[in-house]
Every structure is written in structure tokens, then in C-alpha cells.
Amino acid sequence: MKEMQAIETSQPTLAPPAKHSRQLGAQLSGSMSFSSQMSNEDEEMSRTTLSAIRAKEEEIEKNKMEIRERVQAQLGRVEEETKRLALIREVISYSSPTSAGAECIDSDCFWVEQRIHRAGPREKIYFRPEQVKAAIITCGGLCPGLNDVIRHIVITLEIYGVKNIVGISFGYKGFSDKDLTEMPLSRKVVQNIHLSGGSLLGVSRGGPSVSEIVDSMEERGINMLFVLGGNGTHAGANAIHNECRKRKMKVAVVGVPKTIDNDILHMDKTFGFDTAVEEAQRAINSAYIEAHSAYHGIGIVKLMGRNSGFIAMQASLASGQVDICLIPEVPFNIHGPNGVLKHMKYLIETKGSAVICVAEGAGQNLLEKTNAKDASGNTILGDFGVHIRQEAYEDVSCCVILF
């Protein structure tokens, strides 16, 4: 038995059949492939998780930045509001509670600045009169009352104790043209200038750059500037003010609106308006006489008023001779059952004549638009007076006189 066992154990181990080998190899290969697949999935999952974490961190950091910016902006607004309140208190100290500038809102009488200051005397003034050099300029076109305004500025400055007052000749150009010298002004110089027309200082349009003007003011020692002019002039005055602030110059820039159109909000009346209305009535009366004397006569009077019809309206009402008044504020049609021409025909048939008053800015939507500008930067308007005259010639059998 022992010999048989020895024989059995000494026999060589036989290799498994080929089929079983292939199955075993396949199993091992499948096991390795599954392990590799699991490893790739874990790696992909790790990368995805890491990307998500990084994205979340970036989002958190972005939110932090936004919150920080909002907080800084809020702090900036608080700082601006604090400065504004400080400025209000400073302004209030130079305002009169009865005439301008502030109102009492609580029992402790905390003064709050109003948006618009009414002109009037002040108990306290900012500048020391003996340290003031005041300059006056007139720009743009002529306007009734210019000399009267110059006169009152000079007299009022002297009442406050200002002795050094000058006039800048021919508007902003006087700051750069070396041939134009300052004109010393005093009560004695301006005493009777309101009896004359035009401007004692002369007028002009355009001028040097803002930087040149402020350089000249700094060189001359001007710390108070009175600017008499219209839209373009005041745009320049605002630019001068901003440049002075940028340079931290203590300069007061005072704008005096020069518009006979009376088209300034919050102002009772602009200087020159009454004179313009009075003179306009003369033209209207002349147009009435001409139209009334002609067979089927129509007198057309065009008056100033780029964006407002105050002169045309007031002059028409005051004269009592105007049948049609066209102003920029009220849209209208030329043709049609409710058009101007239809009413003109009616007036000719019933009265035999008519007078039409037209503000220069009226009916611009009925004309071809132009991008042309004048020297002050204002858009050059179309001539509606000529346009309505031509339309009347063609549609109404009449004699048209344009004033």
C-alpha cells in the first residue's frame, strides 16, 4: 500500500485541459477589467467632486466680493450724505429763513435746505469784500436790460463793500484776447448806462477753451464771476465752475439768464421780457394795419421763442388784434378740417383779413430738420413764418405780408 501511495504521489501533475485554461484566463481578465473600470470611475468621481468644490469656493468668493462692494458702496453713500448734510448746515448759515434757502421742520428748528434759493440779502456772506475781485461778462446776442443788470450788480457789490469790480470785454473772448483789457467798474461808471441800449461791455459768441478761461481768471485773481447769457453761455459757466472745483479754487460763478423768452423754470420773470412784449405789440399793430388795408390781407408776425411762446402769447393777448397764435407748446396742423389754412379761409370769408402771430419755435415738426448749429451751439431752427406764408399763397386766395 505504501508502495502504491508512493507511486501515486510520485506521478507528475497533469496540466488542465485547454478549455479550462481559457475559462480561467477569461475570469482573471474580467476580474482585472472590472477592477480597472472601478478605478476609472472613482477617479472620474473624484475629479467631478473636486471641480464642484472649486466652483463652490469660487462662487463663495464671488459672493464675498459682491457683499464687500455693496458694503463699500453703502459706506460711500453714507459718507456722501454726511458731507451733504455738513454742506447744508454751512449753506444754511449763509441763508435767511424768511427770504430764502431753508425751512424749519421740527420743534428744535432743524433747518433743511430748499432746492431753490430765492434771491435776497443775506445776514452772513462767505467772501470778505476786501478780498473780492468781481468780474462781469455779457455773451451771446443783445437783450433789453443788459446795461440795467450790469448797473445793479455793480451797485449791489459796492453796497456789500466790494471795491475791485471789472468788466470783461466782449464775452469769453475777453479772457484770451490780449488786445481786450479789463474795464474798471464803479457806481460812477454805471450810473446812467441803463438809459442806453446794448451792452456796455460788448457781446460775442464762442470763445477760448475752459482751461484758458480759468487760467486767465487765476492769473487776474478773479474769485467772483457774473455771467450774463443764454444756453451756450451758461453751459460755459457750468464748465468754468467744474474746472474751478477741480483745481480747488474758491471762486463763485453766478449765472444770470439772459432770455427775453421768459422760459426759465422757477424764475418769476427774466429781464427783457416786458420790453420784448411791448415792442412785439408794435409789430402786431403794424401787421394789422397792413392786412386790414389790403384786399384779403393776412399779416404774419414772427416773434422770438425757441421753445416757449410766452412773448407771442402775451403780445397777442395784449394787442387784441391777433386771430391765430402759434406757439411751440401747442401742436397743430396746417392742412385738414382743423388746420390753420382752413381757419385762415374762414377768417378771410368772414372778416376780410387776418393777423397771425408765430413764435419762432412753432411748427418745427412740420419742417425739414437741420443739424446746423450757431456759434453758441444752439440748433438753427427752420423758418415757419416763411413756410406758412408759402402755404397761404397756394391754398388761400389772399395777400400775405410777413413781419
Protein backbone atom coordinates (compact mmCIF):
# COMPACT_ATOMS: atom_id res chain seq x y z
CA MET A 1 0.00 0.00 0.00
CA LYS A 2 2.82 2.27 0.89
CA GLU A 3 4.46 1.49 -2.40
CA MET A 4 1.26 2.24 -4.29
CA GLN A 5 0.88 5.56 -2.45
CA ALA A 6 4.44 6.39 -3.24
CA ILE A 7 3.85 5.62 -6.86
CA GLU A 8 0.73 7.75 -6.90
CA THR A 9 2.40 10.71 -5.27
CA SER A 10 5.38 10.47 -7.47
CA GLN A 11 3.31 10.77 -10.63
CA PRO A 12 3.68 14.18 -12.37
CA THR A 13 0.81 16.74 -12.14
CA LEU A 14 -1.11 16.86 -15.36
CA ALA A 15 -1.91 20.29 -16.96
CA PRO A 16 -5.60 21.24 -17.05
CA PRO A 17 -7.34 20.90 -20.32
CA ALA A 18 -7.13 23.87 -22.74
CA LYS A 19 -10.83 24.71 -22.33
CA HIS A 20 -10.46 25.11 -18.60
CA SER A 21 -7.37 27.26 -19.11
CA ARG A 22 -9.26 29.62 -21.36
CA GLN A 23 -12.12 29.90 -18.89
CA LEU A 24 -9.73 30.63 -16.06
CA GLY A 25 -7.92 33.26 -18.14
CA ALA A 26 -11.18 34.85 -19.06
CA GLN A 27 -12.22 35.01 -15.43
CA LEU A 28 -8.92 36.57 -14.41
CA SER A 29 -9.08 39.06 -17.27
CA GLY A 30 -12.66 40.00 -16.42
CA SER A 31 -11.71 40.49 -12.80
CA MET A 32 -8.82 42.78 -13.75
CA SER A 33 -11.00 44.74 -16.21
CA PHE A 34 -13.69 45.28 -13.57
CA SER A 35 -11.07 46.43 -11.11
CA SER A 36 -9.67 48.88 -13.69
CA GLN A 37 -13.17 50.14 -14.52
CA MET A 38 -13.92 50.74 -10.86
CA SER A 39 -10.66 52.64 -10.51
CA ASN A 40 -11.50 54.93 -13.51
CA GLU A 41 -14.97 55.63 -12.16
CA ASP A 42 -13.56 56.54 -8.76
CA GLU A 43 -11.03 58.83 -10.39
CA GLU A 44 -13.70 60.50 -12.53
CA MET A 45 -15.93 60.89 -9.50
CA SER A 46 -13.06 62.43 -7.57
CA ARG A 47 -12.36 64.89 -10.37
CA THR A 48 -16.05 65.85 -10.60
CA THR A 49 -16.29 66.30 -6.85
CA LEU A 50 -13.12 68.40 -6.82
CA SER A 51 -14.43 70.59 -9.66
CA ALA A 52 -17.71 71.07 -7.82
CA ILE A 53 -15.85 72.03 -4.65
CA ARG A 54 -13.69 74.51 -6.55
CA ALA A 55 -16.74 76.01 -8.30
CA LYS A 56 -18.46 76.37 -4.95
CA GLU A 57 -15.39 78.05 -3.49
CA GLU A 58 -15.26 80.45 -6.45
CA GLU A 59 -18.96 81.21 -6.04
CA ILE A 60 -18.47 81.87 -2.31
CA GLU A 61 -15.51 84.14 -3.07
CA LYS A 62 -17.53 85.98 -5.72
CA ASN A 63 -20.38 86.47 -3.25
CA LYS A 64 -17.91 87.78 -0.70
CA MET A 65 -16.61 90.30 -3.25
CA GLU A 66 -20.13 91.42 -4.15
CA ILE A 67 -21.04 91.83 -0.48
CA ARG A 68 -17.81 93.74 0.12
CA GLU A 69 -18.53 96.03 -2.84
CA ARG A 70 -22.10 96.64 -1.68
CA VAL A 71 -20.91 97.46 1.82
CA GLN A 72 -18.26 99.83 0.44
CA ALA A 73 -20.85 101.47 -1.82
CA GLN A 74 -23.21 101.87 1.14
CA LEU A 75 -20.41 103.36 3.22
CA GLY A 76 -19.65 105.70 0.33
CA ARG A 77 -23.28 106.82 0.21
CA VAL A 78 -23.26 107.37 3.96
CA GLU A 79 -20.10 109.44 3.61
CA GLU A 80 -21.63 111.47 0.76
CA GLU A 81 -24.80 112.03 2.78
CA THR A 82 -22.72 113.15 5.75
CA LYS A 83 -20.88 115.62 3.53
CA ARG A 84 -24.17 116.82 2.06
CA LEU A 85 -25.64 117.43 5.50
CA ALA A 86 -22.50 119.30 6.50
CA LEU A 87 -22.81 121.40 3.34
CA ILE A 88 -26.48 122.06 4.08
CA ARG A 89 -25.58 123.34 7.54
CA GLU A 90 -22.88 125.52 6.01
CA VAL A 91 -25.26 126.87 3.36
CA ILE A 92 -27.94 127.48 5.96
CA SER A 93 -25.59 129.68 7.95
CA TYR A 94 -25.48 131.99 4.92
CA SER A 95 -29.23 131.88 4.26
CA SER A 96 -32.17 133.85 5.53
CA PRO A 97 -35.03 131.68 6.83
CA THR A 98 -37.56 134.30 5.79
CA SER A 99 -36.39 135.02 2.26
CA ALA A 100 -34.52 132.01 1.01
CA GLY A 101 -32.67 128.81 1.44
CA ALA A 102 -34.17 126.91 4.36
CA GLU A 103 -37.23 125.92 6.33
CA CYS A 104 -37.79 124.73 9.90
CA ILE A 105 -39.11 121.15 10.07
CA ASP A 106 -39.26 120.32 13.78
CA SER A 107 -39.68 121.82 17.24
CA ASP A 108 -35.92 122.15 17.64
CA CYS A 109 -35.92 124.15 14.41
CA PHE A 110 -33.54 121.99 12.39
CA TRP A 111 -33.05 123.90 9.16
CA VAL A 112 -33.26 121.99 5.89
CA GLU A 113 -32.02 123.48 2.64
CA GLN A 114 -34.59 124.06 -0.06
CA ARG A 115 -33.81 123.07 -3.63
CA ILE A 116 -34.18 126.60 -4.99
CA HIS A 117 -32.90 129.69 -3.21
CA ARG A 118 -34.86 132.89 -3.63
CA ALA A 119 -32.62 135.88 -4.20
CA GLY A 120 -32.32 138.38 -1.41
CA PRO A 121 -29.99 139.92 1.16
CA ARG A 122 -28.03 137.66 3.49
CA GLU A 123 -27.01 138.36 7.06
CA LYS A 124 -23.77 136.43 6.59
CA ILE A 125 -21.60 136.43 3.47
CA TYR A 126 -18.91 133.94 2.50
CA PHE A 127 -16.27 136.16 0.91
CA ARG A 128 -14.56 139.04 2.65
CA PRO A 129 -15.46 142.07 0.48
CA GLU A 130 -11.95 143.50 0.62
CA GLN A 131 -10.58 140.22 -0.80
CA VAL A 132 -13.03 140.00 -3.70
CA LYS A 133 -12.25 140.75 -7.31
CA ALA A 134 -15.54 140.52 -9.18
CA ALA A 135 -15.82 140.29 -12.96
CA ILE A 136 -18.87 140.70 -15.19
CA ILE A 137 -19.25 139.40 -18.75
CA THR A 138 -22.07 139.57 -21.30
CA CYS A 139 -22.24 136.91 -24.01
CA GLY A 140 -24.44 135.89 -26.92
CA GLY A 141 -26.85 138.31 -28.53
CA LEU A 142 -28.15 141.62 -27.27
CA CYS A 143 -31.13 141.75 -24.96
CA PRO A 144 -33.13 144.64 -23.49
CA GLY A 145 -31.98 145.35 -19.96
CA LEU A 146 -28.36 144.18 -20.18
CA ASN A 147 -26.96 147.51 -19.03
CA ASP A 148 -29.54 147.68 -16.27
CA VAL A 149 -28.39 144.28 -14.93
CA ILE A 150 -24.72 145.32 -15.12
CA ARG A 151 -25.55 148.51 -13.24
CA HIS A 152 -27.39 146.74 -10.43
CA ILE A 153 -24.67 144.10 -9.99
CA VAL A 154 -22.04 146.81 -9.59
CA ILE A 155 -24.13 148.89 -7.19
CA THR A 156 -25.07 145.85 -5.07
CA LEU A 157 -21.44 144.69 -4.86
CA GLU A 158 -20.43 148.14 -3.65
CA ILE A 159 -23.19 148.07 -1.04
CA TYR A 160 -21.63 144.86 0.30
CA GLY A 161 -18.24 146.57 0.38
CA VAL A 162 -16.61 145.18 -2.77
CA LYS A 163 -14.30 147.73 -4.37
CA ASN A 164 -12.49 145.74 -7.06
CA ILE A 165 -15.04 145.24 -9.86
CA VAL A 166 -14.14 144.83 -13.53
CA GLY A 167 -15.91 144.16 -16.79
CA ILE A 168 -14.57 141.61 -19.29
CA SER A 169 -14.97 142.99 -22.80
CA PHE A 170 -16.80 141.04 -25.50
CA GLY A 171 -17.76 137.94 -23.56
CA TYR A 172 -15.48 134.95 -23.06
CA LYS A 173 -13.13 136.24 -25.77
CA GLY A 174 -12.02 138.93 -23.34
CA PHE A 175 -10.23 136.28 -21.30
CA SER A 176 -7.87 135.32 -24.12
CA ASP A 177 -7.56 138.33 -26.43
CA LYS A 178 -4.59 140.38 -25.23
CA ASP A 179 -5.92 143.47 -27.02
CA LEU A 180 -9.03 143.48 -24.80
CA THR A 181 -8.31 144.95 -21.39
CA GLU A 182 -10.41 144.87 -18.25
CA MET A 183 -12.85 147.72 -17.75
CA PRO A 184 -12.89 149.07 -14.17
CA LEU A 185 -16.48 149.41 -12.97
CA SER A 186 -17.95 151.51 -10.19
CA ARG A 187 -21.20 153.25 -9.36
CA LYS A 188 -19.89 156.38 -11.08
CA VAL A 189 -19.15 154.45 -14.30
CA VAL A 190 -22.50 152.64 -14.48
CA GLN A 191 -24.75 155.34 -13.04
CA ASN A 192 -26.59 156.13 -16.29
CA ILE A 193 -25.85 153.15 -18.54
CA HIS A 194 -29.40 151.81 -18.11
CA LEU A 195 -30.57 154.72 -20.24
CA SER A 196 -28.71 153.28 -23.24
CA GLY A 197 -29.32 150.10 -25.20
CA GLY A 198 -26.90 147.30 -25.94
CA SER A 199 -24.16 146.26 -23.53
CA LEU A 200 -21.51 148.49 -22.01
CA LEU A 201 -19.11 145.53 -22.12
CA GLY A 202 -19.92 144.31 -25.62
CA VAL A 203 -21.04 140.80 -26.57
CA SER A 204 -19.69 137.88 -28.57
CA ARG A 205 -20.35 134.20 -29.18
CA GLY A 206 -17.93 131.36 -28.56
CA GLY A 207 -14.51 131.92 -27.05
CA PRO A 208 -11.38 130.15 -25.78
CA SER A 209 -11.25 126.80 -24.02
CA VAL A 210 -12.44 126.40 -20.45
CA SER A 211 -8.90 125.74 -19.30
CA GLU A 212 -7.69 129.01 -20.85
CA ILE A 213 -10.53 130.96 -19.23
CA VAL A 214 -9.80 129.55 -15.77
CA ASP A 215 -6.07 130.13 -16.27
CA SER A 216 -6.84 133.76 -17.05
CA MET A 217 -9.13 134.09 -14.03
CA GLU A 218 -6.45 132.63 -11.78
CA GLU A 219 -3.84 134.96 -13.23
CA ARG A 220 -6.08 138.01 -12.79
CA GLY A 221 -7.13 137.00 -9.27
CA ILE A 222 -10.84 136.86 -10.12
CA ASN A 223 -12.80 135.00 -7.44
CA MET A 224 -16.32 136.10 -8.35
CA LEU A 225 -17.65 135.87 -11.90
CA PHE A 226 -21.05 137.10 -13.07
CA VAL A 227 -22.07 135.61 -16.42
CA LEU A 228 -24.93 137.17 -18.39
CA GLY A 229 -26.02 134.97 -21.28
CA GLY A 230 -28.21 132.24 -22.70
CA ASN A 231 -27.97 128.45 -23.06
CA GLY A 232 -24.50 128.25 -24.56
CA THR A 233 -23.13 130.89 -22.21
CA HIS A 234 -24.41 129.06 -19.15
CA ALA A 235 -23.06 125.75 -20.41
CA GLY A 236 -19.70 127.52 -20.46
CA ALA A 237 -20.29 128.95 -16.98
CA ASN A 238 -21.03 125.47 -15.65
CA ALA A 239 -17.84 124.14 -17.25
CA ILE A 240 -15.87 127.00 -15.65
CA HIS A 241 -17.40 126.15 -12.27
CA ASN A 242 -16.42 122.48 -12.64
CA GLU A 243 -12.88 123.38 -13.67
CA CYS A 244 -12.53 125.70 -10.66
CA ARG A 245 -13.72 122.91 -8.36
CA LYS A 246 -11.25 120.51 -9.94
CA ARG A 247 -8.45 122.97 -9.20
CA LYS A 248 -9.85 123.59 -5.69
CA MET A 249 -10.19 127.30 -6.42
CA LYS A 250 -12.51 129.32 -4.18
CA VAL A 251 -14.47 131.00 -6.96
CA ALA A 252 -18.15 131.90 -7.12
CA VAL A 253 -19.65 131.62 -10.61
CA VAL A 254 -23.03 133.37 -10.83
CA GLY A 255 -25.24 132.81 -13.86
CA VAL A 256 -27.76 135.48 -14.84
CA PRO A 257 -30.13 134.05 -17.50
CA LYS A 258 -30.38 136.35 -20.50
CA THR A 259 -33.52 135.29 -22.30
CA ILE A 260 -36.38 137.51 -23.32
CA ASP A 261 -38.37 134.31 -23.92
CA ASN A 262 -39.11 134.07 -20.16
CA ASP A 263 -38.53 130.31 -20.41
CA ILE A 264 -36.59 129.66 -17.19
CA LEU A 265 -38.32 127.42 -14.65
CA HIS A 266 -38.70 128.75 -11.08
CA MET A 267 -37.98 132.34 -12.14
CA ASP A 268 -40.68 134.96 -11.75
CA LYS A 269 -39.65 136.77 -14.92
CA THR A 270 -36.48 137.06 -16.99
CA PHE A 271 -35.13 140.51 -17.76
CA GLY A 272 -36.05 141.88 -21.17
CA PHE A 273 -39.34 140.00 -21.40
CA ASP A 274 -41.58 143.00 -20.75
CA THR A 275 -39.68 145.09 -23.30
CA ALA A 276 -39.95 142.30 -25.86
CA VAL A 277 -43.72 142.05 -25.38
CA GLU A 278 -44.10 145.82 -25.67
CA GLU A 279 -42.05 146.00 -28.87
CA ALA A 280 -43.85 142.97 -30.31
CA GLN A 281 -47.18 144.76 -29.98
CA ARG A 282 -45.92 147.48 -32.29
CA ALA A 283 -45.13 144.90 -34.97
CA ILE A 284 -48.54 143.27 -34.47
CA ASN A 285 -50.34 146.60 -34.79
CA SER A 286 -48.40 147.36 -37.98
CA ALA A 287 -49.33 143.94 -39.37
CA TYR A 288 -52.98 144.56 -38.53
CA ILE A 289 -52.98 147.91 -40.35
CA GLU A 290 -51.33 146.38 -43.44
CA ALA A 291 -53.63 143.34 -43.50
CA HIS A 292 -56.79 145.35 -42.80
CA SER A 293 -55.93 147.81 -45.56
CA ALA A 294 -55.27 145.14 -48.21
CA TYR A 295 -57.84 143.08 -50.07
CA HIS A 296 -57.99 139.71 -48.32
CA GLY A 297 -54.84 140.66 -46.44
CA ILE A 298 -53.10 138.38 -43.96
CA GLY A 299 -50.35 139.74 -41.73
CA ILE A 300 -47.89 137.21 -40.28
CA VAL A 301 -45.70 138.31 -37.36
CA LYS A 302 -42.85 136.03 -36.28
CA LEU A 303 -41.56 136.62 -32.76
CA MET A 304 -38.78 135.13 -30.66
CA GLY A 305 -39.44 131.97 -28.67
CA ARG A 306 -37.37 128.88 -29.46
CA ASN A 307 -39.06 126.51 -27.04
CA SER A 308 -41.73 128.67 -25.45
CA GLY A 309 -44.39 131.02 -26.71
CA PHE A 310 -44.62 133.49 -23.84
CA ILE A 311 -43.76 136.53 -25.96
CA ALA A 312 -46.12 135.55 -28.78
CA MET A 313 -48.94 134.70 -26.38
CA GLN A 314 -48.60 137.77 -24.15
CA ALA A 315 -48.19 140.15 -27.09
CA SER A 316 -51.18 138.62 -28.87
CA LEU A 317 -53.38 138.97 -25.80
CA ALA A 318 -52.17 142.50 -25.09
CA SER A 319 -52.69 143.73 -28.65
CA GLY A 320 -56.19 142.36 -29.15
CA GLN A 321 -55.53 142.20 -32.91
CA VAL A 322 -54.30 138.62 -33.38
CA ASP A 323 -56.60 135.96 -34.85
CA ILE A 324 -54.22 132.97 -34.74
CA CYS A 325 -51.33 132.49 -32.31
CA LEU A 326 -48.97 129.55 -32.94
CA ILE A 327 -46.57 128.54 -30.15
CA PRO A 328 -44.16 125.58 -29.64
CA GLU A 329 -46.07 124.19 -26.64
CA VAL A 330 -49.26 123.52 -28.61
CA PRO A 331 -49.12 121.14 -31.61
CA PHE A 332 -51.20 121.99 -34.66
CA ASN A 333 -51.80 121.00 -38.28
CA ILE A 334 -51.59 123.19 -41.36
CA HIS A 335 -53.97 121.17 -43.52
CA GLY A 336 -57.17 119.30 -42.75
CA PRO A 337 -60.54 120.25 -41.28
CA ASN A 338 -58.91 121.61 -38.11
CA GLY A 339 -55.85 123.01 -39.83
CA VAL A 340 -54.52 126.55 -39.81
CA LEU A 341 -55.27 127.11 -43.51
CA LYS A 342 -58.91 126.10 -43.03
CA HIS A 343 -59.30 128.73 -40.31
CA MET A 344 -57.48 131.33 -42.41
CA LYS A 345 -60.00 130.80 -45.21
CA TYR A 346 -62.81 131.21 -42.70
CA LEU A 347 -61.32 134.48 -41.43
CA ILE A 348 -60.93 135.85 -44.96
CA GLU A 349 -64.53 134.96 -45.75
CA THR A 350 -65.96 136.43 -42.55
CA LYS A 351 -63.61 139.30 -41.66
CA GLY A 352 -61.82 140.02 -44.90
CA SER A 353 -58.40 139.97 -43.20
CA ALA A 354 -56.41 138.16 -40.52
CA VAL A 355 -53.33 138.54 -38.32
CA ILE A 356 -51.22 135.53 -37.34
CA CYS A 357 -48.56 135.59 -34.62
CA VAL A 358 -45.93 132.83 -34.79
CA ALA A 359 -43.26 132.00 -32.20
CA GLU A 360 -40.01 131.06 -33.94
CA GLY A 361 -40.02 127.54 -32.49
CA ALA A 362 -43.60 126.75 -33.52
CA GLY A 363 -44.31 124.08 -36.13
CA GLN A 364 -40.77 122.70 -36.28
CA ASN A 365 -42.18 119.18 -36.59
CA LEU A 366 -43.72 120.23 -39.90
CA LEU A 367 -40.40 121.39 -41.36
CA GLU A 368 -37.31 119.55 -42.52
CA LYS A 369 -34.94 119.07 -39.59
CA THR A 370 -31.45 120.50 -39.72
CA ASN A 371 -28.38 119.65 -37.69
CA ALA A 372 -26.86 123.08 -38.21
CA LYS A 373 -25.67 124.88 -35.06
CA ASP A 374 -24.94 128.52 -34.34
CA ALA A 375 -21.77 129.77 -32.62
CA SER A 376 -23.31 129.13 -29.18
CA GLY A 377 -24.19 125.53 -30.02
CA ASN A 378 -27.93 126.09 -30.44
CA THR A 379 -29.77 124.27 -33.22
CA ILE A 380 -30.70 126.61 -36.07
CA LEU A 381 -34.47 126.40 -36.42
CA GLY A 382 -36.44 126.30 -39.64
CA ASP A 383 -38.37 129.43 -40.63
CA PHE A 384 -42.01 128.52 -40.09
CA GLY A 385 -43.13 132.06 -40.89
CA VAL A 386 -41.88 131.72 -44.47
CA HIS A 387 -43.38 128.23 -44.67
CA ILE A 388 -46.88 129.30 -43.59
CA ARG A 389 -46.72 132.29 -45.95
CA GLN A 390 -45.98 129.99 -48.90
CA GLU A 391 -48.78 127.63 -47.86
CA ALA A 392 -51.20 130.57 -47.60
CA TYR A 393 -50.25 131.78 -51.09
CA GLU A 394 -51.00 128.36 -52.54
CA ASP A 395 -54.17 127.45 -50.62
CA VAL A 396 -55.78 130.75 -49.68
CA SER A 397 -56.58 133.49 -52.15
CA CYS A 398 -55.06 136.35 -50.20
CA CYS A 399 -52.32 138.94 -49.89
CA VAL A 400 -49.76 137.83 -47.28
CA ILE A 401 -47.45 140.27 -45.51
CA LEU A 402 -44.66 138.80 -43.37
CA PHE A 403 -43.22 140.85 -40.49
